[in-house]
C-alpha atoms as a PDB file:
ATOM      1  CA  UNK A   1     -14.598   4.763  16.921  1.00  0.00           C
ATOM      2  CA  UNK A   2     -14.386   8.563  17.239  1.00  0.00           C
ATOM      3  CA  UNK A   3     -12.398  10.562  14.677  1.00  0.00           C
ATOM      4  CA  UNK A   4      -8.933  11.434  15.905  1.00  0.00           C
ATOM      5  CA  UNK A   5      -8.952  14.944  14.368  1.00  0.00           C
ATOM      6  CA  UNK A   6      -8.343  16.792  11.129  1.00  0.00           C
ATOM      7  CA  UNK A   7      -4.768  16.540   9.783  1.00  0.00           C
ATOM      8  CA  UNK A   8      -2.932  18.673   7.257  1.00  0.00           C
ATOM      9  CA  UNK A   9      -3.207  15.867   4.682  1.00  0.00           C
ATOM     10  CA  UNK A  10      -7.041  15.854   5.041  1.00  0.00           C
ATOM     11  CA  UNK A  11      -7.172  19.615   4.438  1.00  0.00           C
ATOM     12  CA  UNK A  12      -4.773  19.332   1.489  1.00  0.00           C
ATOM     13  CA  UNK A  13      -6.956  16.654  -0.158  1.00  0.00           C
ATOM     14  CA  UNK A  14     -10.049  18.832   0.357  1.00  0.00           C
ATOM     15  CA  UNK A  15      -8.224  21.831  -1.195  1.00  0.00           C
ATOM     16  CA  UNK A  16      -7.209  19.671  -4.177  1.00  0.00           C
ATOM     17  CA  UNK A  17     -10.868  18.697  -4.627  1.00  0.00           C
ATOM     18  CA  UNK A  18     -11.922  22.372  -4.577  1.00  0.00           C
ATOM     19  CA  UNK A  19      -9.208  23.289  -7.094  1.00  0.00           C
ATOM     20  CA  UNK A  20     -10.390  20.512  -9.406  1.00  0.00           C
ATOM     21  CA  UNK A  21     -13.863  22.057  -9.189  1.00  0.00           C
ATOM     22  CA  UNK A  22     -12.260  25.447  -9.991  1.00  0.00           C
ATOM     23  CA  UNK A  23     -13.415  26.838  -6.611  1.00  0.00           C
ATOM     24  CA  UNK A  24     -11.376  29.065  -4.285  1.00  0.00           C
ATOM     25  CA  UNK A  25     -10.386  27.226  -1.053  1.00  0.00           C
ATOM     26  CA  UNK A  26     -11.986  28.552   2.156  1.00  0.00           C
ATOM     27  CA  UNK A  27     -12.499  27.288   5.703  1.00  0.00           C
ATOM     28  CA  UNK A  28     -16.257  26.785   5.194  1.00  0.00           C
ATOM     29  CA  UNK A  29     -15.861  24.894   1.889  1.00  0.00           C
ATOM     30  CA  UNK A  30     -13.099  22.663   3.302  1.00  0.00           C
ATOM     31  CA  UNK A  31     -15.278  21.797   6.312  1.00  0.00           C
ATOM     32  CA  UNK A  32     -18.233  21.008   4.026  1.00  0.00           C
ATOM     33  CA  UNK A  33     -16.083  18.509   2.112  1.00  0.00           C
ATOM     34  CA  UNK A  34     -14.584  16.937   5.256  1.00  0.00           C
ATOM     35  CA  UNK A  35     -17.904  16.928   7.138  1.00  0.00           C
ATOM     36  CA  UNK A  36     -16.184  17.515  10.491  1.00  0.00           C
ATOM     37  CA  UNK A  37     -13.355  19.431  12.188  1.00  0.00           C
ATOM     38  CA  UNK A  38     -13.088  22.719  14.051  1.00  0.00           C
ATOM     39  CA  UNK A  39     -12.794  25.987  12.176  1.00  0.00           C
ATOM     40  CA  UNK A  40      -9.607  26.882  14.074  1.00  0.00           C
ATOM     41  CA  UNK A  41      -7.814  23.661  13.086  1.00  0.00           C
ATOM     42  CA  UNK A  42      -8.944  23.913   9.459  1.00  0.00           C
ATOM     43  CA  UNK A  43      -7.885  27.588   9.343  1.00  0.00           C
ATOM     44  CA  UNK A  44      -4.383  26.752  10.676  1.00  0.00           C
ATOM     45  CA  UNK A  45      -3.900  23.923   8.152  1.00  0.00           C
ATOM     46  CA  UNK A  46      -5.221  26.115   5.337  1.00  0.00           C
ATOM     47  CA  UNK A  47      -2.767  28.889   6.283  1.00  0.00           C
ATOM     48  CA  UNK A  48       0.088  26.362   6.253  1.00  0.00           C
ATOM     49  CA  UNK A  49      -1.072  25.098   2.817  1.00  0.00           C
ATOM     50  CA  UNK A  50      -0.972  28.674   1.413  1.00  0.00           C
ATOM     51  CA  UNK A  51       2.510  29.203   2.891  1.00  0.00           C
ATOM     52  CA  UNK A  52       3.810  26.020   1.270  1.00  0.00           C
ATOM     53  CA  UNK A  53       2.177  26.955  -2.041  1.00  0.00           C
ATOM     54  CA  UNK A  54       3.950  30.347  -1.999  1.00  0.00           C
ATOM     55  CA  UNK A  55       7.282  28.623  -1.269  1.00  0.00           C
ATOM     56  CA  UNK A  56       6.803  26.184  -4.170  1.00  0.00           C
ATOM     57  CA  UNK A  57       5.588  28.845  -6.618  1.00  0.00           C
ATOM     58  CA  UNK A  58       9.044  29.229  -8.232  1.00  0.00           C
ATOM     59  CA  UNK A  59       9.815  25.515  -8.125  1.00  0.00           C
ATOM     60  CA  UNK A  60       9.109  23.678 -11.427  1.00  0.00           C
ATOM     61  CA  UNK A  61       6.264  21.117 -11.202  1.00  0.00           C
ATOM     62  CA  UNK A  62       7.329  17.504 -10.535  1.00  0.00           C
ATOM     63  CA  UNK A  63       7.551  15.237 -13.548  1.00  0.00           C
ATOM     64  CA  UNK A  64       8.384  11.932 -11.833  1.00  0.00           C
ATOM     65  CA  UNK A  65       5.215  10.055 -10.837  1.00  0.00           C
ATOM     66  CA  UNK A  66       2.247  10.292 -13.305  1.00  0.00           C
ATOM     67  CA  UNK A  67      -0.916  11.958 -12.008  1.00  0.00           C
ATOM     68  CA  UNK A  68      -3.032   8.955 -13.047  1.00  0.00           C
ATOM     69  CA  UNK A  69      -0.850   6.654 -10.957  1.00  0.00           C
ATOM     70  CA  UNK A  70      -1.157   8.950  -7.916  1.00  0.00           C
ATOM     71  CA  UNK A  71      -4.954   9.121  -8.295  1.00  0.00           C
ATOM     72  CA  UNK A  72      -5.163   5.319  -8.619  1.00  0.00           C
ATOM     73  CA  UNK A  73      -3.108   4.800  -5.441  1.00  0.00           C
ATOM     74  CA  UNK A  74      -5.216   7.337  -3.515  1.00  0.00           C
ATOM     75  CA  UNK A  75      -8.490   5.801  -4.753  1.00  0.00           C
ATOM     76  CA  UNK A  76      -7.339   2.290  -3.755  1.00  0.00           C
ATOM     77  CA  UNK A  77      -6.283   3.550  -0.329  1.00  0.00           C
ATOM     78  CA  UNK A  78      -9.579   5.432   0.230  1.00  0.00           C
ATOM     79  CA  UNK A  79     -11.619   2.417  -0.897  1.00  0.00           C
ATOM     80  CA  UNK A  80      -9.708   0.151   1.505  1.00  0.00           C
ATOM     81  CA  UNK A  81     -10.240   2.569   4.415  1.00  0.00           C
ATOM     82  CA  UNK A  82     -13.938   3.023   3.600  1.00  0.00           C
ATOM     83  CA  UNK A  83     -14.516  -0.758   3.261  1.00  0.00           C
ATOM     84  CA  UNK A  84     -12.703  -1.498   6.535  1.00  0.00           C
ATOM     85  CA  UNK A  85     -14.623   1.261   8.367  1.00  0.00           C
ATOM     86  CA  UNK A  86     -18.005   0.128   7.037  1.00  0.00           C
ATOM     87  CA  UNK A  87     -17.375  -3.541   7.817  1.00  0.00           C
ATOM     88  CA  UNK A  88     -16.092  -2.810  11.315  1.00  0.00           C
ATOM     89  CA  UNK A  89     -19.043  -0.506  12.009  1.00  0.00           C
ATOM     90  CA  UNK A  90     -21.408  -3.252  10.831  1.00  0.00           C
ATOM     91  CA  UNK A  91     -19.680  -5.825  13.045  1.00  0.00           C
ATOM     92  CA  UNK A  92     -19.769  -3.429  15.997  1.00  0.00           C
ATOM     93  CA  UNK A  93     -23.505  -2.727  15.600  1.00  0.00           C
ATOM     94  CA  UNK A  94     -24.266  -6.442  15.222  1.00  0.00           C
ATOM     95  CA  UNK A  95     -22.178  -7.292  18.294  1.00  0.00           C
ATOM     96  CA  UNK A  96     -23.860  -4.524  20.335  1.00  0.00           C
ATOM     97  CA  UNK A  97     -27.290  -5.844  19.399  1.00  0.00           C
ATOM     98  CA  UNK A  98     -26.315  -9.362  20.358  1.00  0.00           C
ATOM     99  CA  UNK A  99     -24.836  -8.132  23.640  1.00  0.00           C
ATOM    100  CA  UNK A 100     -28.023  -6.228  24.487  1.00  0.00           C
ATOM    101  CA  UNK A 101     -30.088  -9.286  23.621  1.00  0.00           C
ATOM    102  CA  UNK A 102     -27.857 -11.487  25.767  1.00  0.00           C
ATOM    103  CA  UNK A 103     -28.081  -9.009  28.656  1.00  0.00           C
ATOM    104  CA  UNK A 104     -31.856  -9.016  28.398  1.00  0.00           C
ATOM    105  CA  UNK A 105     -31.879 -12.817  28.465  1.00  0.00           C
ATOM    106  CA  UNK A 106     -29.547 -12.789  31.479  1.00  0.00           C
ATOM    107  CA  UNK A 107     -31.830 -10.327  33.317  1.00  0.00           C
ATOM    108  CA  UNK A 108     -34.821 -12.466  32.420  1.00  0.00           C
ATOM    109  CA  UNK A 109     -32.973 -15.567  33.668  1.00  0.00           C
ATOM    110  CA  UNK A 110     -32.183 -13.783  36.969  1.00  0.00           C
ATOM    111  CA  UNK A 111     -35.804 -12.877  37.427  1.00  0.00           C
ATOM    112  CA  UNK A 112     -36.799 -16.441  36.710  1.00  0.00           C
ATOM    113  CA  UNK A 113     -34.214 -17.668  39.205  1.00  0.00           C
ATOM    114  CA  UNK A 114     -35.642 -15.394  41.911  1.00  0.00           C
ATOM    115  CA  UNK A 115     -39.148 -16.618  41.132  1.00  0.00           C
ATOM    116  CA  UNK A 116     -37.876 -20.199  41.289  1.00  0.00           C
ATOM    117  CA  UNK A 117     -36.369 -19.593  44.754  1.00  0.00           C
ATOM    118  CA  UNK A 118     -39.698 -18.181  45.972  1.00  0.00           C
ATOM    119  CA  UNK A 119     -41.619 -21.075  44.443  1.00  0.00           C
ATOM    120  CA  UNK A 120     -39.428 -23.977  45.551  1.00  0.00           C
ATOM    121  CA  UNK A 121     -42.520 -25.976  46.330  1.00  0.00           C
ATOM    122  CA  UNK A 122     -43.620 -25.792  42.666  1.00  0.00           C
ATOM    123  CA  UNK A 123     -40.163 -26.618  41.227  1.00  0.00           C
ATOM    124  CA  UNK A 124     -41.024 -30.236  40.483  1.00  0.00           C
ATOM    125  CA  UNK A 125     -44.147 -29.240  38.514  1.00  0.00           C
ATOM    126  CA  UNK A 126     -42.188 -26.794  36.356  1.00  0.00           C
ATOM    127  CA  UNK A 127     -39.114 -29.025  35.882  1.00  0.00           C
ATOM    128  CA  UNK A 128     -40.120 -30.062  32.386  1.00  0.00           C
ATOM    129  CA  UNK A 129     -40.639 -26.398  31.371  1.00  0.00           C
ATOM    130  CA  UNK A 130     -37.200 -25.516  32.775  1.00  0.00           C
ATOM    131  CA  UNK A 131     -35.578 -28.323  30.742  1.00  0.00           C
ATOM    132  CA  UNK A 132     -37.234 -27.001  27.584  1.00  0.00           C
ATOM    133  CA  UNK A 133     -35.918 -23.494  28.292  1.00  0.00           C
ATOM    134  CA  UNK A 134     -32.482 -24.985  28.894  1.00  0.00           C
ATOM    135  CA  UNK A 135     -32.591 -26.645  25.481  1.00  0.00           C
ATOM    136  CA  UNK A 136     -33.599 -23.328  23.900  1.00  0.00           C
ATOM    137  CA  UNK A 137     -30.688 -21.608  25.627  1.00  0.00           C
ATOM    138  CA  UNK A 138     -28.345 -24.300  24.327  1.00  0.00           C
ATOM    139  CA  UNK A 139     -29.681 -23.825  20.803  1.00  0.00           C
ATOM    140  CA  UNK A 140     -29.307 -20.045  21.132  1.00  0.00           C
ATOM    141  CA  UNK A 141     -25.734 -20.487  22.371  1.00  0.00           C
ATOM    142  CA  UNK A 142     -24.973 -22.682  19.364  1.00  0.00           C
ATOM    143  CA  UNK A 143     -26.380 -20.025  17.025  1.00  0.00           C
ATOM    144  CA  UNK A 144     -24.307 -17.362  18.745  1.00  0.00           C
ATOM    145  CA  UNK A 145     -21.150 -19.472  18.349  1.00  0.00           C
ATOM    146  CA  UNK A 146     -21.924 -19.909  14.643  1.00  0.00           C
ATOM    147  CA  UNK A 147     -22.406 -16.130  14.324  1.00  0.00           C
ATOM    148  CA  UNK A 148     -19.077 -15.568  16.091  1.00  0.00           C
ATOM    149  CA  UNK A 149     -17.344 -17.919  13.645  1.00  0.00           C
ATOM    150  CA  UNK A 150     -18.863 -15.998  10.733  1.00  0.00           C
ATOM    151  CA  UNK A 151     -17.550 -12.749  12.220  1.00  0.00           C
ATOM    152  CA  UNK A 152     -14.071 -14.266  12.537  1.00  0.00           C
ATOM    153  CA  UNK A 153     -14.173 -15.417   8.908  1.00  0.00           C
ATOM    154  CA  UNK A 154     -15.235 -11.964   7.725  1.00  0.00           C
ATOM    155  CA  UNK A 155     -12.462 -10.358   9.780  1.00  0.00           C
ATOM    156  CA  UNK A 156      -9.943 -12.749   8.203  1.00  0.00           C
ATOM    157  CA  UNK A 157     -11.195 -11.773   4.730  1.00  0.00           C
ATOM    158  CA  UNK A 158     -10.705  -8.092   5.592  1.00  0.00           C
ATOM    159  CA  UNK A 159      -7.158  -8.790   6.766  1.00  0.00           C
ATOM    160  CA  UNK A 160      -6.423 -10.631   3.512  1.00  0.00           C
ATOM    161  CA  UNK A 161      -7.834  -7.719   1.526  1.00  0.00           C
ATOM    162  CA  UNK A 162      -5.644  -5.296   3.478  1.00  0.00           C
ATOM    163  CA  UNK A 163      -2.649  -7.500   2.627  1.00  0.00           C
ATOM    164  CA  UNK A 164      -3.564  -7.390  -1.072  1.00  0.00           C
ATOM    165  CA  UNK A 165      -3.759  -3.593  -0.935  1.00  0.00           C
ATOM    166  CA  UNK A 166      -0.351  -3.545   0.712  1.00  0.00           C
ATOM    167  CA  UNK A 167       1.033  -5.700  -2.137  1.00  0.00           C
ATOM    168  CA  UNK A 168      -0.454  -3.291  -4.685  1.00  0.00           C
ATOM    169  CA  UNK A 169       1.174  -0.372  -2.896  1.00  0.00           C
ATOM    170  CA  UNK A 170       4.521  -2.216  -2.926  1.00  0.00           C
ATOM    171  CA  UNK A 171       4.232  -2.778  -6.673  1.00  0.00           C
ATOM    172  CA  UNK A 172       3.452   0.910  -7.204  1.00  0.00           C
ATOM    173  CA  UNK A 173       6.509   1.867  -5.159  1.00  0.00           C
ATOM    174  CA  UNK A 174       8.684  -0.497  -7.239  1.00  0.00           C
ATOM    175  CA  UNK A 175       7.342   1.064 -10.448  1.00  0.00           C
ATOM    176  CA  UNK A 176       8.190   4.518  -9.101  1.00  0.00           C
ATOM    177  CA  UNK A 177      11.719   3.437  -8.215  1.00  0.00           C
ATOM    178  CA  UNK A 178      12.180   1.894 -11.669  1.00  0.00           C
ATOM    179  CA  UNK A 179      10.991   5.099 -13.357  1.00  0.00           C
ATOM    180  CA  UNK A 180      13.340   7.155 -11.192  1.00  0.00           C
ATOM    181  CA  UNK A 181      16.272   4.889 -12.169  1.00  0.00           C
ATOM    182  CA  UNK A 182      15.385   5.231 -15.851  1.00  0.00           C
ATOM    183  CA  UNK A 183      15.214   8.996 -15.492  1.00  0.00           C
ATOM    184  CA  UNK A 184      18.653   9.141 -13.849  1.00  0.00           C
ATOM    185  CA  UNK A 185      20.083   6.945 -16.606  1.00  0.00           C
ATOM    186  CA  UNK A 186      18.600   9.281 -19.238  1.00  0.00           C
ATOM    187  CA  UNK A 187      20.119  12.308 -17.489  1.00  0.00           C
ATOM    188  CA  UNK A 188      23.514  10.583 -17.346  1.00  0.00           C
ATOM    189  CA  UNK A 189      23.307   9.738 -21.054  1.00  0.00           C
ATOM    190  CA  UNK A 190      22.402  13.357 -21.858  1.00  0.00           C
ATOM    191  CA  UNK A 191      25.385  14.626 -19.874  1.00  0.00           C
ATOM    192  CA  UNK A 192      27.661  12.180 -21.694  1.00  0.00           C
ATOM    193  CA  UNK A 193      26.384  13.352 -25.093  1.00  0.00           C
ATOM    194  CA  UNK A 194      26.865  17.004 -24.074  1.00  0.00           C
ATOM    195  CA  UNK A 195      30.449  16.329 -22.979  1.00  0.00           C
ATOM    196  CA  UNK A 196      31.210  14.563 -26.255  1.00  0.00           C
ATOM    197  CA  UNK A 197      29.679  17.410 -28.240  1.00  0.00           C
ATOM    198  CA  UNK A 198      31.692  19.959 -26.262  1.00  0.00           C
ATOM    199  CA  UNK A 199      34.864  17.984 -26.902  1.00  0.00           C
ATOM    200  CA  UNK A 200      34.130  17.952 -30.625  1.00  0.00           C
ATOM    201  CA  UNK A 201      33.504  21.726 -30.604  1.00  0.00           C
ATOM    202  CA  UNK A 202      36.812  22.301 -28.830  1.00  0.00           C
ATOM    203  CA  UNK A 203      38.624  20.208 -31.424  1.00  0.00           C
ATOM    204  CA  UNK A 204      36.970  22.174 -34.237  1.00  0.00           C
ATOM    205  CA  UNK A 205      37.964  25.429 -32.544  1.00  0.00           C
ATOM    206  CA  UNK A 206      41.592  24.285 -32.262  1.00  0.00           C
ATOM    207  CA  UNK A 207      41.611  23.227 -35.929  1.00  0.00           C
ATOM    208  CA  UNK A 208      40.260  26.648 -36.964  1.00  0.00           C
ATOM    209  CA  UNK A 209      42.985  28.380 -34.973  1.00  0.00           C
ATOM    210  CA  UNK A 210      45.617  26.172 -36.622  1.00  0.00           C
ATOM    211  CA  UNK A 211      44.274  27.039 -40.074  1.00  0.00           C
ATOM    212  CA  UNK A 212      44.326  30.759 -39.194  1.00  0.00           C
ATOM    213  CA  UNK A 213      47.927  30.607 -37.999  1.00  0.00           C
ATOM    214  CA  UNK A 214      48.931  28.765 -41.169  1.00  0.00           C
ATOM    215  CA  UNK A 215      47.222  31.410 -43.267  1.00  0.00           C
ATOM    216  CA  UNK A 216      49.020  34.159 -41.340  1.00  0.00           C
ATOM    217  CA  UNK A 217      52.372  32.451 -41.925  1.00  0.00           C
ATOM    218  CA  UNK A 218      51.617  32.172 -45.640  1.00  0.00           C
ATOM    219  CA  UNK A 219      50.713  35.886 -45.706  1.00  0.00           C
ATOM    220  CA  UNK A 220      53.996  36.862 -44.056  1.00  0.00           C
ATOM    221  CA  UNK A 221      56.030  34.762 -46.494  1.00  0.00           C
ATOM    222  CA  UNK A 222      54.121  36.182 -49.434  1.00  0.00           C
ATOM    223  CA  UNK A 223      54.700  39.732 -48.211  1.00  0.00           C
ATOM    224  CA  UNK A 224      58.433  39.142 -47.895  1.00  0.00           C
ATOM    225  CA  UNK A 225      58.501  37.757 -51.432  1.00  0.00           C
ATOM    226  CA  UNK A 226      56.613  40.811 -52.727  1.00  0.00           C
ATOM    227  CA  UNK A 227      59.050  43.224 -51.061  1.00  0.00           C
ATOM    228  CA  UNK A 228      61.974  41.533 -52.825  1.00  0.00           C
ATOM    229  CA  UNK A 229      60.117  41.467 -56.175  1.00  0.00           C
ATOM    230  CA  UNK A 230      60.462  44.066 -58.904  1.00  0.00           C
ATOM    231  CA  UNK A 231      58.780  47.452 -58.586  1.00  0.00           C
ATOM    232  CA  UNK A 232      56.729  46.677 -61.679  1.00  0.00           C
ATOM    233  CA  UNK A 233      54.918  43.898 -59.788  1.00  0.00           C
ATOM    234  CA  UNK A 234      54.073  46.141 -56.867  1.00  0.00           C
ATOM    235  CA  UNK A 235      50.518  46.731 -58.026  1.00  0.00           C
ATOM    236  CA  UNK A 236      49.901  42.996 -58.449  1.00  0.00           C
ATOM    237  CA  UNK A 237      51.291  42.381 -54.982  1.00  0.00           C
ATOM    238  CA  UNK A 238      48.882  44.949 -53.542  1.00  0.00           C
ATOM    239  CA  UNK A 239      45.933  43.134 -55.173  1.00  0.00           C
ATOM    240  CA  UNK A 240      47.079  39.863 -53.715  1.00  0.00           C
ATOM    241  CA  UNK A 241      47.456  41.497 -50.278  1.00  0.00           C
ATOM    242  CA  UNK A 242      43.855  42.694 -50.476  1.00  0.00           C
ATOM    243  CA  UNK A 243      42.766  39.148 -51.262  1.00  0.00           C
ATOM    244  CA  UNK A 244      44.660  37.856 -48.256  1.00  0.00           C
ATOM    245  CA  UNK A 245      43.010  40.488 -46.051  1.00  0.00           C
ATOM    246  CA  UNK A 246      39.598  39.288 -47.207  1.00  0.00           C
ATOM    247  CA  UNK A 247      40.534  35.687 -46.422  1.00  0.00           C
ATOM    248  CA  UNK A 248      41.742  36.810 -43.001  1.00  0.00           C
ATOM    249  CA  UNK A 249      38.415  38.534 -42.302  1.00  0.00           C
ATOM    250  CA  UNK A 250      36.550  35.435 -43.406  1.00  0.00           C
ATOM    251  CA  UNK A 251      38.720  33.321 -41.089  1.00  0.00           C
ATOM    252  CA  UNK A 252      38.007  35.723 -38.237  1.00  0.00           C
ATOM    253  CA  UNK A 253      34.278  35.516 -38.990  1.00  0.00           C
ATOM    254  CA  UNK A 254      34.550  31.711 -38.888  1.00  0.00           C
ATOM    255  CA  UNK A 255      36.372  31.962 -35.573  1.00  0.00           C
ATOM    256  CA  UNK A 256      33.581  34.194 -34.198  1.00  0.00           C
ATOM    257  CA  UNK A 257      30.986  31.647 -35.291  1.00  0.00           C
ATOM    258  CA  UNK A 258      32.969  28.893 -33.615  1.00  0.00           C
ATOM    259  CA  UNK A 259      33.155  30.911 -30.397  1.00  0.00           C
ATOM    260  CA  UNK A 260      29.380  31.569 -30.570  1.00  0.00           C
ATOM    261  CA  UNK A 261      28.658  27.872 -30.988  1.00  0.00           C
ATOM    262  CA  UNK A 262      31.002  27.170 -28.067  1.00  0.00           C
ATOM    263  CA  UNK A 263      29.039  29.581 -25.850  1.00  0.00           C
ATOM    264  CA  UNK A 264      25.740  27.986 -26.943  1.00  0.00           C
ATOM    265  CA  UNK A 265      27.158  24.582 -26.011  1.00  0.00           C
ATOM    266  CA  UNK A 266      28.140  25.909 -22.568  1.00  0.00           C
ATOM    267  CA  UNK A 267      24.574  27.272 -22.118  1.00  0.00           C
ATOM    268  CA  UNK A 268      23.036  23.925 -23.110  1.00  0.00           C
ATOM    269  CA  UNK A 269      25.296  22.143 -20.643  1.00  0.00           C
ATOM    270  CA  UNK A 270      24.230  24.521 -17.836  1.00  0.00           C
ATOM    271  CA  UNK A 271      20.573  23.870 -18.648  1.00  0.00           C
ATOM    272  CA  UNK A 272      21.180  20.103 -18.579  1.00  0.00           C
ATOM    273  CA  UNK A 273      22.818  20.381 -15.147  1.00  0.00           C
ATOM    274  CA  UNK A 274      19.868  22.426 -13.841  1.00  0.00           C
ATOM    275  CA  UNK A 275      17.462  19.819 -15.239  1.00  0.00           C
ATOM    276  CA  UNK A 276      19.458  17.053 -13.504  1.00  0.00           C
ATOM    277  CA  UNK A 277      19.241  18.897 -10.183  1.00  0.00           C
ATOM    278  CA  UNK A 278      15.474  19.336 -10.647  1.00  0.00           C
ATOM    279  CA  UNK A 279      15.112  15.625 -11.380  1.00  0.00           C
ATOM    280  CA  UNK A 280      17.018  14.806  -8.189  1.00  0.00           C
ATOM    281  CA  UNK A 281      14.646  17.032  -6.221  1.00  0.00           C
ATOM    282  CA  UNK A 282      11.697  15.214  -7.773  1.00  0.00           C
ATOM    283  CA  UNK A 283      13.137  11.859  -6.681  1.00  0.00           C
ATOM    284  CA  UNK A 284      13.517  13.181  -3.110  1.00  0.00           C
ATOM    285  CA  UNK A 285       9.880  14.331  -3.077  1.00  0.00           C
ATOM    286  CA  UNK A 286       8.775  10.937  -4.380  1.00  0.00           C
ATOM    287  CA  UNK A 287      10.713   9.130  -1.616  1.00  0.00           C
ATOM    288  CA  UNK A 288       9.105  11.369   1.019  1.00  0.00           C
ATOM    289  CA  UNK A 289       5.636  10.563  -0.349  1.00  0.00           C
ATOM    290  CA  UNK A 290       6.378   6.814  -0.286  1.00  0.00           C
ATOM    291  CA  UNK A 291       7.578   7.091   3.338  1.00  0.00           C
ATOM    292  CA  UNK A 292       4.353   8.926   4.258  1.00  0.00           C
ATOM    293  CA  UNK A 293       2.270   6.127   2.703  1.00  0.00           C
ATOM    294  CA  UNK A 294       4.227   3.555   4.719  1.00  0.00           C
ATOM    295  CA  UNK A 295       3.496   5.452   7.941  1.00  0.00           C
ATOM    296  CA  UNK A 296      -0.220   5.567   7.083  1.00  0.00           C
ATOM    297  CA  UNK A 297      -0.215   1.814   6.453  1.00  0.00           C
ATOM    298  CA  UNK A 298       1.389   1.249   9.889  1.00  0.00           C
ATOM    299  CA  UNK A 299      -1.271   3.434  11.572  1.00  0.00           C
ATOM    300  CA  UNK A 300      -4.039   1.534   9.767  1.00  0.00           C
ATOM    301  CA  UNK A 301      -2.552  -1.793  10.926  1.00  0.00           C
ATOM    302  CA  UNK A 302      -2.525  -0.578  14.544  1.00  0.00           C
ATOM    303  CA  UNK A 303      -6.183   0.444  14.255  1.00  0.00           C
ATOM    304  CA  UNK A 304      -7.111  -2.975  12.861  1.00  0.00           C
ATOM    305  CA  UNK A 305      -5.306  -4.712  15.746  1.00  0.00           C
ATOM    306  CA  UNK A 306      -7.182  -2.560  18.286  1.00  0.00           C
ATOM    307  CA  UNK A 307     -10.518  -3.340  16.633  1.00  0.00           C
ATOM    308  CA  UNK A 308      -9.681  -7.072  16.573  1.00  0.00           C
ATOM    309  CA  UNK A 309      -8.951  -6.946  20.323  1.00  0.00           C
ATOM    310  CA  UNK A 310     -12.293  -5.270  20.986  1.00  0.00           C
ATOM    311  CA  UNK A 311     -14.054  -7.788  18.764  1.00  0.00           C
ATOM    312  CA  UNK A 312     -12.468 -10.651  20.762  1.00  0.00           C
ATOM    313  CA  UNK A 313     -13.858  -9.125  23.963  1.00  0.00           C
ATOM    314  CA  UNK A 314     -17.320  -8.950  22.382  1.00  0.00           C
ATOM    315  CA  UNK A 315     -17.026 -12.592  21.297  1.00  0.00           C
ATOM    316  CA  UNK A 316     -16.085 -13.669  24.830  1.00  0.00           C
ATOM    317  CA  UNK A 317     -19.199 -11.964  26.113  1.00  0.00           C
ATOM    318  CA  UNK A 318     -21.469 -13.393  23.386  1.00  0.00           C
ATOM    319  CA  UNK A 319     -20.331 -17.004  23.797  1.00  0.00           C
ATOM    320  CA  UNK A 320     -20.763 -16.841  27.593  1.00  0.00           C
ATOM    321  CA  UNK A 321     -17.091 -17.508  28.263  1.00  0.00           C
ATOM    322  CA  UNK A 322     -15.216 -15.609  30.967  1.00  0.00           C
ATOM    323  CA  UNK A 323     -11.697 -15.031  32.137  1.00  0.00           C
ATOM    324  CA  UNK A 324     -10.233 -17.178  34.994  1.00  0.00           C
ATOM    325  CA  UNK A 325     -10.842 -14.392  37.577  1.00  0.00           C
ATOM    326  CA  UNK A 326     -14.521 -14.098  36.564  1.00  0.00           C
ATOM    327  CA  UNK A 327     -14.896 -17.903  36.735  1.00  0.00           C
ATOM    328  CA  UNK A 328     -13.549 -17.965  40.304  1.00  0.00           C
ATOM    329  CA  UNK A 329     -15.889 -15.084  41.274  1.00  0.00           C
ATOM    330  CA  UNK A 330     -18.943 -16.918  39.868  1.00  0.00           C
ATOM    331  CA  UNK A 331     -17.890 -20.118  41.647  1.00  0.00           C
ATOM    332  CA  UNK A 332     -17.695 -18.211  44.959  1.00  0.00           C
ATOM    333  CA  UNK A 333     -21.171 -16.765  44.461  1.00  0.00           C
ATOM    334  CA  UNK A 334     -22.578 -20.219  43.700  1.00  0.00           C
ATOM    335  CA  UNK A 335     -20.982 -21.592  46.890  1.00  0.00           C
ATOM    336  CA  UNK A 336     -22.558 -18.800  49.000  1.00  0.00           C
ATOM    337  CA  UNK A 337     -25.955 -19.478  47.470  1.00  0.00           C
ATOM    338  CA  UNK A 338     -25.622 -23.181  48.185  1.00  0.00           C
ATOM    339  CA  UNK A 339     -24.799 -22.488  51.867  1.00  0.00           C
ATOM    340  CA  UNK A 340     -27.828 -20.207  52.313  1.00  0.00           C
ATOM    341  CA  UNK A 341     -30.397 -22.393  50.557  1.00  0.00           C
ATOM    342  CA  UNK A 342     -29.241 -25.718  51.916  1.00  0.00           C
ATOM    343  CA  UNK A 343     -30.234 -28.985  50.195  1.00  0.00           C
ATOM    344  CA  UNK A 344     -32.777 -27.209  47.979  1.00  0.00           C
ATOM    345  CA  UNK A 345     -29.976 -25.646  45.902  1.00  0.00           C
ATOM    346  CA  UNK A 346     -28.894 -29.119  44.791  1.00  0.00           C
ATOM    347  CA  UNK A 347     -32.245 -29.517  43.113  1.00  0.00           C
ATOM    348  CA  UNK A 348     -31.615 -26.471  41.059  1.00  0.00           C
END
């Protein structure tokens, strides 16, 4: 079957191969890896790949699906496609050879039939030889039927193998969904812990403010008591006021530290929210990749059905069977031959 054309995914895989080799992607190198495709098509896909790379340059790399798991899925898919292509090509070549052989035998049989019509007088002498050839044809037909059954069995094995690959892909998709759910649960737990920590910081800030207000009230009361005290204790009151000022500065420093920690908590919360949004984007990308793999599986199934239909047509030809219309046409030709040849055709 002829190749349908180079797609963007083919060019992207070739570019990934070149990057793994630490080589700069180019149209010539991509075509050497693919082995086919027009330069114009490859150039357009390569330009689109560069445009997408520039758009994703500022986007953080995905952290959802492991690289080893992606490589394993791609290797399994490529092995399945290669095995199906090789087996179908082998079946096609074998069927073509058998068809050519059958056509040669049919042409030889037609020539023998024409010779038999010209040598009707010698038909009785060669009757035994004709019966032997008929037995050989019957044996050959039996061998061809056995070969057709083997081809059907091999095709059934390939279909079973394709089903197994589909099951493996389903398991991989389930693993990806489970990992995504675990990631979302971890993000939710992190947000919960951040909210609890923020609540605790707010409570500590409120407690510090309450302590500061209490200290201010104590300072006011102490100052009123000092004003009413004797002039001789004025110097002592001034010393105590200085001590209170130092405590007030320390309380203000503590309040500044509390406010700094509060701002750091707000920054950590913002980073957590950005991380959660990035994780959500990764999940969306993973879902898109899974959907693309499902579409490829559907296309592969359609190709297998088409090849099975063509193989059935080959088997009809090899076993000598024909459709009802062809049977009626052959019956009409036999009737015309019988009318022309008269009673001699009954001997045949």
